[in-house]
Amino acid sequence: MAMTPAHTLNLCGVLAESKRIVNAHSRHFLALSVLFLLPLSCSIVIYPTLYFPNPRADVVSSAGDYTFKSPESLIFPIIYTIVVYLLSICTLATITHSTYHGFYGRPVKFFPALKSIIFSFFPLVSTAIAAKFFIFLISLSFFMFAFVTVKLAQNLGFAIDYSSSYFLLFCGFLGLALGLVVLYFQVIWGLAPVIAVTESKWGFEPLWRSSYLVNGMRSVSLSLFLIFGILIGLWTWMATNSVLDFTLVEDWKTWDFVLQTIICSAYLSFLTLLLLHYTAANTVLYMYCKALHGELAIEIAEEFAREYISLPFDDEKIPHIVTVVSA
C-alpha cells in the first residue's frame, strides 16, 4: 500500500496538501466552483460597475442615475448583500466538507457536499454574528476611548483643532491599533468557519475552539491570511478594472470586444481558483492544528479501523498521515 508523503506543519505543507486534495477530486471541486464560487466572483467584481458610475466614461450623470443612487434606493444593495452572503455560506460549507473528507481519504461526493449546506447554515451564520458582535464591541471601545480622550482634553482647557496634524496623527494611531487588533482576532479565529462545518459547533464556541487550535500555528495562519488576502484583493481590483474597460466597448463585433471578453473571463477564473484554494487550505490548516494538539492521530486510527476491511485501497483515498516531530 503506497503512502502519501508526510508534510511538516508549516505553510508549504498546508498549501501542498490542499493542492493534492483539490487535484485528486478536480471534477468535484470544479462542479462546486462553477455552482458557487464563480457566481460569487462575478458578484464581487461586477457589482461596482453596476452600482457606481464608471470614472473612465465621459458621461454626465443624469437625474435617473441620481435617483438610482439615492438613499431611498436600497433594494439593489440589500439583494446583492444577501446573494453574496448566501453564496459565501454555500461555498464555505461545500468546499470545507469536501476537503475535510478528502483529507481522510473518504469518498468525496457531490450531493453529500450540497447536503452539508443544510447542516452548516445555522452554525456558520451564528458564528459569523458572534464574531462581528465581538469586533463591534472592540471597535466601540476604541471610539469611546477617543471620544473620552478628546472631551477630557477639552475639559482641561486644551483647544482641539480637528484639522490639525496632531489630531489626525492621533486618529491614525488609533486606527492602526484597531486594525492590528482586528487582524489578531482574524488570525486566531480563522478556523472558526471550518469548526462550524466539521464539528457542528455554533455561536462563540467555534471562536474559542479556533483560538485554542491555532495556538502554535499562528504564524502559518497569519501567512495564509496575508498571502491569499493580498492576492484576492489585488486580483479583484484588476478584474474590476477589466470589467470597467469591457463596459466601454461600444461595438461587440470588434476584436477589442473579443479581447476584453477573454481577459475578463481569465480574471474571474483565476479569482475563483484563489477562493477555492484559500478555503481548502484553511481546512487543511485546521487538520494540521489538530495534529499539533494530538487530536488527529486518534481520529486517523479510528478511520483506518473502520476502512481496513474495504480492500483494495485507492492511492487517492488513503488518509494523509501527519507527523509531529519534537525539536
Protein backbone atom coordinates (compact mmCIF):
# COMPACT_ATOMS: atom_id res chain seq x y z
CA MET A 1 0.00 0.00 0.00
CA ALA A 2 1.52 3.30 -1.10
CA MET A 3 1.74 6.04 1.46
CA THR A 4 1.39 9.72 0.68
CA PRO A 5 4.39 11.79 1.77
CA ALA A 6 4.05 13.43 5.14
CA HIS A 7 4.47 17.19 5.23
CA THR A 8 5.77 19.25 8.09
CA LEU A 9 3.39 21.56 9.92
CA ASN A 10 4.19 24.74 8.01
CA LEU A 11 2.73 26.91 5.26
CA CYS A 12 4.28 24.87 2.45
CA GLY A 13 2.80 21.68 3.88
CA VAL A 14 -0.66 23.25 4.12
CA LEU A 15 -0.54 24.54 0.54
CA ALA A 16 0.86 21.26 -0.83
CA GLU A 17 -1.76 19.13 0.92
CA SER A 18 -4.67 21.36 -0.12
CA LYS A 19 -3.42 21.28 -3.71
CA ARG A 20 -3.18 17.49 -3.58
CA ILE A 21 -6.77 17.15 -2.35
CA VAL A 22 -8.14 19.57 -4.97
CA ASN A 23 -6.24 17.82 -7.77
CA ALA A 24 -7.33 14.38 -6.60
CA HIS A 25 -11.00 15.44 -6.87
CA SER A 26 -10.68 18.05 -9.60
CA ARG A 27 -14.06 17.38 -11.25
CA HIS A 28 -15.86 17.55 -7.91
CA PHE A 29 -14.29 20.87 -6.95
CA LEU A 30 -14.80 22.19 -10.48
CA ALA A 31 -18.54 21.50 -10.20
CA LEU A 32 -18.73 23.25 -6.84
CA SER A 33 -16.71 26.18 -8.16
CA VAL A 34 -19.00 26.65 -11.15
CA LEU A 35 -22.07 26.37 -8.94
CA PHE A 36 -21.00 28.69 -6.09
CA LEU A 37 -17.55 30.24 -6.45
CA LEU A 38 -17.89 31.57 -10.00
CA PRO A 39 -21.17 33.40 -9.25
CA LEU A 40 -19.57 34.73 -6.06
CA SER A 41 -16.57 36.04 -8.01
CA CYS A 42 -18.84 37.62 -10.61
CA SER A 43 -20.93 39.28 -7.89
CA ILE A 44 -17.86 40.74 -6.19
CA VAL A 45 -16.35 42.05 -9.43
CA ILE A 46 -19.39 43.19 -11.42
CA TYR A 47 -21.28 44.94 -8.60
CA PRO A 48 -19.12 48.11 -8.58
CA THR A 49 -19.65 48.57 -12.32
CA LEU A 50 -23.44 48.38 -11.89
CA TYR A 51 -23.96 50.49 -8.78
CA PHE A 52 -21.16 53.03 -9.06
CA PRO A 53 -20.50 55.30 -12.04
CA ASN A 54 -17.65 54.43 -14.38
CA PRO A 55 -14.91 57.02 -13.74
CA ARG A 56 -13.47 56.42 -17.20
CA ALA A 57 -16.72 57.15 -19.03
CA ASP A 58 -17.10 60.75 -20.21
CA VAL A 59 -20.79 60.87 -19.40
CA VAL A 60 -22.63 63.41 -17.26
CA SER A 61 -24.82 61.82 -14.60
CA SER A 62 -28.49 62.14 -15.34
CA ALA A 63 -31.38 62.59 -12.97
CA GLY A 64 -32.19 58.90 -13.35
CA ASP A 65 -28.69 57.99 -12.13
CA TYR A 66 -29.16 60.20 -9.10
CA THR A 67 -32.44 58.53 -8.27
CA PHE A 68 -30.81 55.09 -8.53
CA LYS A 69 -28.07 56.11 -6.11
CA SER A 70 -30.35 57.97 -3.68
CA PRO A 71 -30.70 56.72 -0.08
CA GLU A 72 -34.25 55.57 -0.84
CA SER A 73 -32.98 53.16 -3.47
CA LEU A 74 -31.54 50.43 -1.22
CA ILE A 75 -33.21 47.39 -2.71
CA PHE A 76 -30.32 46.53 -5.05
CA PRO A 77 -27.56 46.71 -2.36
CA ILE A 78 -29.71 44.66 0.00
CA ILE A 79 -30.34 41.96 -2.61
CA TYR A 80 -26.64 41.99 -3.54
CA THR A 81 -25.58 41.59 0.10
CA ILE A 82 -27.98 38.69 0.65
CA VAL A 83 -26.88 36.91 -2.53
CA VAL A 84 -23.17 37.30 -1.75
CA TYR A 85 -23.65 36.13 1.83
CA LEU A 86 -25.65 33.06 0.76
CA LEU A 87 -23.05 32.17 -1.87
CA SER A 88 -20.32 32.56 0.76
CA ILE A 89 -22.16 30.25 3.15
CA CYS A 90 -22.65 27.64 0.43
CA THR A 91 -19.00 27.91 -0.61
CA LEU A 92 -17.69 27.50 2.94
CA ALA A 93 -19.98 24.57 3.67
CA THR A 94 -19.36 22.56 0.48
CA ILE A 95 -15.64 23.20 -0.03
CA THR A 96 -14.83 22.66 3.66
CA HIS A 97 -16.91 19.48 3.80
CA SER A 98 -15.26 18.11 0.66
CA THR A 99 -11.71 18.99 1.72
CA TYR A 100 -12.28 17.52 5.17
CA HIS A 101 -13.42 14.17 3.76
CA GLY A 102 -10.73 14.26 1.07
CA PHE A 103 -8.07 14.65 3.74
CA TYR A 104 -9.22 11.44 5.41
CA GLY A 105 -9.41 9.63 2.07
CA ARG A 106 -13.17 9.22 2.28
CA PRO A 107 -15.31 9.31 -0.88
CA VAL A 108 -15.94 12.92 -1.92
CA LYS A 109 -19.40 13.10 -3.47
CA PHE A 110 -21.38 15.98 -4.91
CA PHE A 111 -24.79 15.55 -3.28
CA PRO A 112 -23.49 14.97 0.27
CA ALA A 113 -21.49 18.17 -0.18
CA LEU A 114 -24.68 20.02 -1.10
CA LYS A 115 -26.47 18.44 1.85
CA SER A 116 -23.80 19.88 4.17
CA ILE A 117 -25.21 23.36 3.45
CA ILE A 118 -28.37 22.48 5.38
CA PHE A 119 -26.49 21.28 8.46
CA SER A 120 -23.84 24.02 8.35
CA PHE A 121 -26.04 27.04 7.62
CA PHE A 122 -27.05 27.88 11.20
CA PRO A 123 -23.59 27.18 12.73
CA LEU A 124 -21.90 29.39 10.11
CA VAL A 125 -24.39 32.24 10.45
CA SER A 126 -24.40 32.19 14.25
CA THR A 127 -20.60 32.05 14.36
CA ALA A 128 -20.31 34.99 11.96
CA ILE A 129 -22.78 37.01 14.05
CA ALA A 130 -20.85 36.20 17.25
CA ALA A 131 -17.54 37.26 15.67
CA LYS A 132 -18.99 40.50 14.27
CA PHE A 133 -20.60 41.29 17.62
CA PHE A 134 -17.27 40.87 19.40
CA ILE A 135 -15.46 43.01 16.81
CA PHE A 136 -18.21 45.63 17.16
CA LEU A 137 -17.62 45.79 20.92
CA ILE A 138 -13.87 46.20 20.38
CA SER A 139 -14.40 48.94 17.78
CA LEU A 140 -16.89 50.68 20.06
CA SER A 141 -14.33 50.62 22.88
CA PHE A 142 -11.77 52.36 20.65
CA PHE A 143 -14.27 55.00 19.59
CA MET A 144 -15.32 55.57 23.20
CA PHE A 145 -11.67 55.90 24.21
CA ALA A 146 -11.11 58.53 21.51
CA PHE A 147 -14.28 60.40 22.50
CA VAL A 148 -13.42 60.40 26.21
CA THR A 149 -9.84 61.48 25.49
CA VAL A 150 -11.00 64.46 23.38
CA LYS A 151 -13.63 65.52 25.93
CA LEU A 152 -11.14 65.21 28.78
CA ALA A 153 -8.65 67.38 26.90
CA GLN A 154 -11.34 69.99 26.27
CA ASN A 155 -12.37 69.99 29.95
CA LEU A 156 -8.73 70.56 30.91
CA GLY A 157 -8.68 73.69 28.76
CA PHE A 158 -6.99 72.40 25.63
CA ALA A 159 -8.29 73.68 22.30
CA ILE A 160 -8.87 70.77 19.91
CA ASP A 161 -8.27 71.56 16.24
CA TYR A 162 -9.85 68.67 14.35
CA SER A 163 -7.94 69.56 11.19
CA SER A 164 -4.52 69.74 12.86
CA SER A 165 -1.80 67.22 12.08
CA TYR A 166 -1.61 66.14 15.74
CA PHE A 167 -5.29 65.20 15.86
CA LEU A 168 -5.02 63.36 12.53
CA LEU A 169 -1.94 61.54 13.84
CA PHE A 170 -3.87 60.57 16.97
CA CYS A 171 -6.75 59.22 14.86
CA GLY A 172 -4.30 57.39 12.60
CA PHE A 173 -2.62 55.77 15.59
CA LEU A 174 -5.97 54.58 16.96
CA GLY A 175 -6.99 53.32 13.53
CA LEU A 176 -3.72 51.39 13.18
CA ALA A 177 -4.11 49.91 16.67
CA LEU A 178 -7.69 48.89 15.90
CA GLY A 179 -6.60 47.32 12.62
CA LEU A 180 -3.88 45.27 14.34
CA VAL A 181 -6.35 44.08 16.98
CA VAL A 182 -8.86 43.05 14.30
CA LEU A 183 -6.06 41.29 12.39
CA TYR A 184 -5.06 39.40 15.54
CA PHE A 185 -8.59 38.11 16.06
CA GLN A 186 -8.85 37.28 12.36
CA VAL A 187 -5.77 35.08 12.76
CA ILE A 188 -6.89 33.25 15.90
CA TRP A 189 -10.49 32.93 14.67
CA GLY A 190 -9.53 31.82 11.16
CA LEU A 191 -10.54 28.21 11.82
CA ALA A 192 -13.98 29.08 13.20
CA PRO A 193 -15.86 28.50 9.89
CA VAL A 194 -14.16 25.11 9.48
CA ILE A 195 -15.07 24.14 13.05
CA ALA A 196 -18.67 25.23 12.48
CA VAL A 197 -18.90 22.92 9.44
CA THR A 198 -16.93 19.90 10.63
CA GLU A 199 -17.84 19.88 14.34
CA SER A 200 -21.32 21.49 14.10
CA LYS A 201 -20.45 23.98 16.82
CA TRP A 202 -22.09 27.39 16.74
CA GLY A 203 -22.02 30.83 18.31
CA PHE A 204 -18.97 31.74 20.35
CA GLU A 205 -17.85 28.12 20.77
CA PRO A 206 -16.10 27.87 17.37
CA LEU A 207 -14.25 31.11 18.16
CA TRP A 208 -12.84 29.78 21.43
CA ARG A 209 -12.12 26.41 19.83
CA SER A 210 -10.27 28.11 16.96
CA SER A 211 -8.16 30.23 19.31
CA TYR A 212 -7.12 27.01 21.10
CA LEU A 213 -6.29 25.01 17.98
CA VAL A 214 -4.37 27.78 16.22
CA ASN A 215 -2.06 28.18 19.21
CA GLY A 216 1.37 27.19 17.94
CA MET A 217 0.37 27.73 14.29
CA ARG A 218 -0.42 31.45 14.38
CA SER A 219 2.41 32.32 12.02
CA VAL A 220 1.02 29.86 9.45
CA SER A 221 -2.50 31.22 9.89
CA LEU A 222 -1.22 34.79 9.51
CA SER A 223 0.81 33.93 6.43
CA LEU A 224 -2.13 32.14 4.85
CA PHE A 225 -4.45 35.08 5.53
CA LEU A 226 -2.00 37.70 4.24
CA ILE A 227 -0.95 35.81 1.10
CA PHE A 228 -4.44 34.95 -0.06
CA GLY A 229 -5.88 38.23 1.20
CA ILE A 230 -3.40 40.26 -0.83
CA LEU A 231 -3.75 38.05 -3.91
CA ILE A 232 -7.56 38.03 -3.80
CA GLY A 233 -7.72 41.79 -3.17
CA LEU A 234 -5.25 42.57 -5.95
CA TRP A 235 -6.93 40.24 -8.41
CA THR A 236 -10.38 41.63 -7.56
CA TRP A 237 -9.13 45.15 -8.27
CA MET A 238 -7.60 44.05 -11.56
CA ALA A 239 -10.76 42.17 -12.56
CA THR A 240 -12.93 45.17 -11.70
CA ASN A 241 -10.78 47.42 -13.90
CA SER A 242 -11.05 44.87 -16.69
CA VAL A 243 -14.85 44.84 -16.40
CA LEU A 244 -14.84 48.66 -16.49
CA ASP A 245 -12.85 48.52 -19.74
CA PHE A 246 -15.32 45.95 -21.05
CA THR A 247 -18.27 48.30 -20.43
CA LEU A 248 -16.61 50.99 -22.55
CA VAL A 249 -16.54 48.79 -25.66
CA GLU A 250 -19.36 50.01 -27.90
CA ASP A 251 -19.25 47.55 -30.80
CA TRP A 252 -19.45 43.88 -29.81
CA LYS A 253 -18.35 42.79 -33.30
CA THR A 254 -14.84 44.23 -32.95
CA TRP A 255 -11.69 42.38 -31.86
CA ASP A 256 -11.49 44.71 -28.88
CA PHE A 257 -14.73 43.25 -27.55
CA VAL A 258 -13.46 39.69 -28.01
CA LEU A 259 -10.16 40.51 -26.30
CA GLN A 260 -11.87 42.18 -23.33
CA THR A 261 -14.21 39.19 -23.01
CA ILE A 262 -11.26 36.78 -22.85
CA ILE A 263 -9.43 38.98 -20.31
CA CYS A 264 -12.50 39.29 -18.06
CA SER A 265 -13.08 35.52 -18.20
CA ALA A 266 -9.45 34.86 -17.28
CA TYR A 267 -9.59 37.25 -14.32
CA LEU A 268 -12.82 35.72 -13.00
CA SER A 269 -11.50 32.18 -13.44
CA PHE A 270 -8.29 32.90 -11.55
CA LEU A 271 -10.20 34.70 -8.78
CA THR A 272 -12.43 31.64 -8.45
CA LEU A 273 -9.33 29.45 -8.23
CA LEU A 274 -7.85 31.63 -5.48
CA LEU A 275 -11.04 31.45 -3.41
CA LEU A 276 -11.18 27.68 -3.86
CA HIS A 277 -7.60 27.08 -2.74
CA TYR A 278 -7.90 29.52 0.19
CA THR A 279 -10.95 27.68 1.55
CA ALA A 280 -9.30 24.29 1.03
CA ALA A 281 -6.01 25.45 2.59
CA ASN A 282 -7.83 26.78 5.65
CA THR A 283 -9.47 23.38 6.12
CA VAL A 284 -6.10 21.63 5.85
CA LEU A 285 -4.69 24.10 8.39
CA TYR A 286 -7.45 23.02 10.75
CA MET A 287 -6.38 19.39 10.35
CA TYR A 288 -2.73 20.26 10.92
CA CYS A 289 -3.63 22.21 14.06
CA LYS A 290 -5.47 19.15 15.33
CA ALA A 291 -2.37 17.08 14.59
CA LEU A 292 -0.24 19.52 16.56
CA HIS A 293 -2.54 19.13 19.58
CA GLY A 294 -2.61 15.34 19.32
CA GLU A 295 -6.24 15.09 18.21
CA LEU A 296 -5.67 13.83 14.67
CA ALA A 297 -3.77 10.62 15.46
CA ILE A 298 -6.73 9.09 17.30
CA GLU A 299 -9.16 10.05 14.53
CA ILE A 300 -6.95 8.59 11.79
CA ALA A 301 -6.51 5.38 13.80
CA GLU A 302 -10.30 5.10 14.07
CA GLU A 303 -10.59 5.84 10.35
CA PHE A 304 -8.16 3.03 9.49
CA ALA A 305 -10.04 0.67 11.81
CA ARG A 306 -13.33 1.38 10.03
CA GLU A 307 -11.96 1.23 6.49
CA TYR A 308 -9.39 -1.57 6.89
CA ILE A 309 -11.71 -4.25 5.63
CA SER A 310 -12.59 -2.42 2.39
CA LEU A 311 -9.64 -3.52 0.23
CA PRO A 312 -8.05 -2.88 -2.23
CA PHE A 313 -7.05 0.68 -1.39
CA ASP A 314 -7.01 3.50 -3.91
CA ASP A 315 -3.95 5.76 -3.67
CA GLU A 316 -6.16 8.85 -3.75
CA LYS A 317 -8.34 7.53 -0.91
CA ILE A 318 -5.61 6.83 1.61
CA PRO A 319 -5.81 9.11 4.64
CA HIS A 320 -2.99 11.60 4.77
CA ILE A 321 -0.60 10.98 7.66
CA VAL A 322 0.69 14.00 9.53
CA THR A 323 3.68 13.58 11.80
CA VAL A 324 4.76 16.00 14.51
CA VAL A 325 8.46 15.84 15.36
CA SER A 326 9.58 17.45 18.58
CA ALA A 327 12.75 19.51 18.36
